[in-house]
Amino acid sequence: MVSDKIAIIGDRDTVTGFRMVGVQESSVPNNVNEIRKALLDYFRDPRMGLIIITEPLAMQVEDTILELSEAPVPVILLIPDREGSTGAYETVLRELIRRAVGIEINV
């Protein structure tokens, strides 16, 4: 199966930037339910290879991201928004490492 699609979930500015470079699948959610719905919709697409989500939105659905990250594809990538990094990627990465290795590792 080919996983050649990329999706972006974020604020309007971030999504616009990614759309300008060719990312066609995008979502600008207004609340936590819309964030979770977009994430799940993209995750269920068998051709989706990468889901990019801004850190502030990812923090609101961290439990869902951790659950979905157990699958190897699609990859869920957290990126900073225009305000800069919040460190959310460290929290998610730390939890994934803890699950995989069984111990807490600082990143």
C-alpha atoms as a PDB file:
ATOM      1  CA  MET A   1       0.000   0.000   0.000  1.00  0.00           C
ATOM      2  CA  VAL A   2       1.283   3.454  -0.912  1.00  0.00           C
ATOM      3  CA  SER A   3       1.306   6.059   1.848  1.00  0.00           C
ATOM      4  CA  ASP A   4       1.892   9.149  -0.228  1.00  0.00           C
ATOM      5  CA  LYS A   5      -0.495  11.722   1.218  1.00  0.00           C
ATOM      6  CA  ILE A   6       0.367  14.467   3.698  1.00  0.00           C
ATOM      7  CA  ALA A   7      -2.102  16.369   5.872  1.00  0.00           C
ATOM      8  CA  ILE A   8      -1.680  19.474   8.033  1.00  0.00           C
ATOM      9  CA  ILE A   9      -3.815  20.383  11.068  1.00  0.00           C
ATOM     10  CA  GLY A  10      -3.127  23.811  12.471  1.00  0.00           C
ATOM     11  CA  ASP A  11      -3.875  27.500  12.637  1.00  0.00           C
ATOM     12  CA  ARG A  12      -4.740  29.388   9.444  1.00  0.00           C
ATOM     13  CA  ASP A  13      -1.221  30.809   8.934  1.00  0.00           C
ATOM     14  CA  THR A  14       0.509  27.444   9.300  1.00  0.00           C
ATOM     15  CA  VAL A  15      -2.000  25.668   7.077  1.00  0.00           C
ATOM     16  CA  THR A  16      -1.693  28.380   4.424  1.00  0.00           C
ATOM     17  CA  GLY A  17       2.092  27.968   4.347  1.00  0.00           C
ATOM     18  CA  PHE A  18       1.846  24.219   3.890  1.00  0.00           C
ATOM     19  CA  ARG A  19      -0.838  24.569   1.217  1.00  0.00           C
ATOM     20  CA  MET A  20       1.463  26.941  -0.672  1.00  0.00           C
ATOM     21  CA  VAL A  21       4.092  24.197  -0.902  1.00  0.00           C
ATOM     22  CA  GLY A  22       1.626  21.599  -2.146  1.00  0.00           C
ATOM     23  CA  VAL A  23       0.015  19.937   0.876  1.00  0.00           C
ATOM     24  CA  GLN A  24      -3.568  19.407  -0.231  1.00  0.00           C
ATOM     25  CA  GLU A  25      -5.163  17.846   2.851  1.00  0.00           C
ATOM     26  CA  SER A  26      -5.654  20.461   5.567  1.00  0.00           C
ATOM     27  CA  SER A  27      -7.807  21.408   8.512  1.00  0.00           C
ATOM     28  CA  VAL A  28      -8.143  24.561  10.623  1.00  0.00           C
ATOM     29  CA  PRO A  29     -10.161  23.291  13.604  1.00  0.00           C
ATOM     30  CA  ASN A  30     -11.918  25.624  16.025  1.00  0.00           C
ATOM     31  CA  ASN A  31     -12.311  23.338  19.034  1.00  0.00           C
ATOM     32  CA  VAL A  32     -11.030  20.091  20.540  1.00  0.00           C
ATOM     33  CA  ASN A  33     -13.764  17.996  18.902  1.00  0.00           C
ATOM     34  CA  GLU A  34     -12.818  19.318  15.460  1.00  0.00           C
ATOM     35  CA  ILE A  35      -9.120  18.659  16.160  1.00  0.00           C
ATOM     36  CA  ARG A  36      -9.834  15.070  17.167  1.00  0.00           C
ATOM     37  CA  LYS A  37     -12.190  14.514  14.197  1.00  0.00           C
ATOM     38  CA  ALA A  38      -9.638  15.824  11.677  1.00  0.00           C
ATOM     39  CA  LEU A  39      -6.894  13.704  13.224  1.00  0.00           C
ATOM     40  CA  LEU A  40      -9.014  10.542  13.136  1.00  0.00           C
ATOM     41  CA  ASP A  41     -10.289  11.211   9.605  1.00  0.00           C
ATOM     42  CA  TYR A  42      -6.762  11.621   8.269  1.00  0.00           C
ATOM     43  CA  PHE A  43      -5.530   8.629  10.271  1.00  0.00           C
ATOM     44  CA  ARG A  44      -8.179   6.372   8.748  1.00  0.00           C
ATOM     45  CA  ASP A  45      -7.177   7.291   5.177  1.00  0.00           C
ATOM     46  CA  PRO A  46      -5.164   4.281   3.919  1.00  0.00           C
ATOM     47  CA  ARG A  47      -3.059   6.495   1.632  1.00  0.00           C
ATOM     48  CA  MET A  48      -2.062   8.917   4.404  1.00  0.00           C
ATOM     49  CA  GLY A  49       1.649   8.763   5.180  1.00  0.00           C
ATOM     50  CA  LEU A  50       2.188  11.856   7.340  1.00  0.00           C
ATOM     51  CA  ILE A  51      -0.072  13.947   9.549  1.00  0.00           C
ATOM     52  CA  ILE A  52       1.459  17.232  10.678  1.00  0.00           C
ATOM     53  CA  ILE A  53      -0.180  18.980  13.626  1.00  0.00           C
ATOM     54  CA  THR A  54       0.845  22.149  15.427  1.00  0.00           C
ATOM     55  CA  GLU A  55       1.926  21.743  19.045  1.00  0.00           C
ATOM     56  CA  PRO A  56      -0.822  23.912  20.593  1.00  0.00           C
ATOM     57  CA  LEU A  57      -3.513  21.795  18.930  1.00  0.00           C
ATOM     58  CA  ALA A  58      -1.666  18.546  19.679  1.00  0.00           C
ATOM     59  CA  MET A  59      -1.603  19.397  23.397  1.00  0.00           C
ATOM     60  CA  GLN A  60      -5.417  19.421  23.373  1.00  0.00           C
ATOM     61  CA  VAL A  61      -5.635  15.870  21.976  1.00  0.00           C
ATOM     62  CA  GLU A  62      -2.444  14.388  23.441  1.00  0.00           C
ATOM     63  CA  ASP A  63      -4.226  11.187  24.551  1.00  0.00           C
ATOM     64  CA  THR A  64      -5.516  10.546  21.024  1.00  0.00           C
ATOM     65  CA  ILE A  65      -2.082  11.208  19.492  1.00  0.00           C
ATOM     66  CA  LEU A  66      -0.407   8.778  21.902  1.00  0.00           C
ATOM     67  CA  GLU A  67      -2.974   6.112  21.079  1.00  0.00           C
ATOM     68  CA  LEU A  68      -2.679   6.606  17.303  1.00  0.00           C
ATOM     69  CA  SER A  69       1.125   6.762  17.437  1.00  0.00           C
ATOM     70  CA  GLU A  70       1.228   3.054  18.241  1.00  0.00           C
ATOM     71  CA  ALA A  71       0.657   2.406  14.516  1.00  0.00           C
ATOM     72  CA  PRO A  72       3.713   2.814  12.292  1.00  0.00           C
ATOM     73  CA  VAL A  73       1.814   4.645   9.538  1.00  0.00           C
ATOM     74  CA  PRO A  74       0.749   7.347   9.253  1.00  0.00           C
ATOM     75  CA  VAL A  75       3.420   9.189  11.169  1.00  0.00           C
ATOM     76  CA  ILE A  76       2.125  12.028  13.343  1.00  0.00           C
ATOM     77  CA  LEU A  77       4.579  14.917  13.446  1.00  0.00           C
ATOM     78  CA  LEU A  78       4.228  17.788  15.923  1.00  0.00           C
ATOM     79  CA  ILE A  79       5.559  21.153  14.775  1.00  0.00           C
ATOM     80  CA  PRO A  80       5.663  24.593  16.404  1.00  0.00           C
ATOM     81  CA  ASP A  81       3.249  27.227  15.192  1.00  0.00           C
ATOM     82  CA  ARG A  82       4.132  30.864  14.500  1.00  0.00           C
ATOM     83  CA  GLU A  83       4.410  31.519  18.241  1.00  0.00           C
ATOM     84  CA  GLY A  84       7.255  29.022  18.608  1.00  0.00           C
ATOM     85  CA  SER A  85       7.684  25.680  20.329  1.00  0.00           C
ATOM     86  CA  THR A  86       5.634  24.780  23.383  1.00  0.00           C
ATOM     87  CA  GLY A  87       7.606  21.615  24.135  1.00  0.00           C
ATOM     88  CA  ALA A  88       4.585  19.412  23.464  1.00  0.00           C
ATOM     89  CA  TYR A  89       6.610  17.172  21.159  1.00  0.00           C
ATOM     90  CA  GLU A  90       8.893  16.350  24.095  1.00  0.00           C
ATOM     91  CA  THR A  91       5.950  15.203  26.211  1.00  0.00           C
ATOM     92  CA  VAL A  92       4.589  12.978  23.458  1.00  0.00           C
ATOM     93  CA  LEU A  93       8.027  11.606  22.584  1.00  0.00           C
ATOM     94  CA  ARG A  94       8.817  10.890  26.235  1.00  0.00           C
ATOM     95  CA  GLU A  95       5.579   8.924  26.627  1.00  0.00           C
ATOM     96  CA  LEU A  96       6.178   6.932  23.428  1.00  0.00           C
ATOM     97  CA  ILE A  97       9.688   6.042  24.599  1.00  0.00           C
ATOM     98  CA  ARG A  98       8.369   5.064  28.034  1.00  0.00           C
ATOM     99  CA  ARG A  99       5.842   2.732  26.403  1.00  0.00           C
ATOM    100  CA  ALA A 100       8.386   1.199  24.039  1.00  0.00           C
ATOM    101  CA  VAL A 101      11.272   0.788  26.485  1.00  0.00           C
ATOM    102  CA  GLY A 102       9.396   0.567  29.758  1.00  0.00           C
ATOM    103  CA  ILE A 103      11.399   3.278  31.529  1.00  0.00           C
ATOM    104  CA  GLU A 104      11.327   7.061  31.708  1.00  0.00           C
ATOM    105  CA  ILE A 105      13.963   8.716  29.522  1.00  0.00           C
ATOM    106  CA  ASN A 106      14.513  12.472  29.403  1.00  0.00           C
ATOM    107  CA  VAL A 107      14.664  13.963  25.919  1.00  0.00           C
END
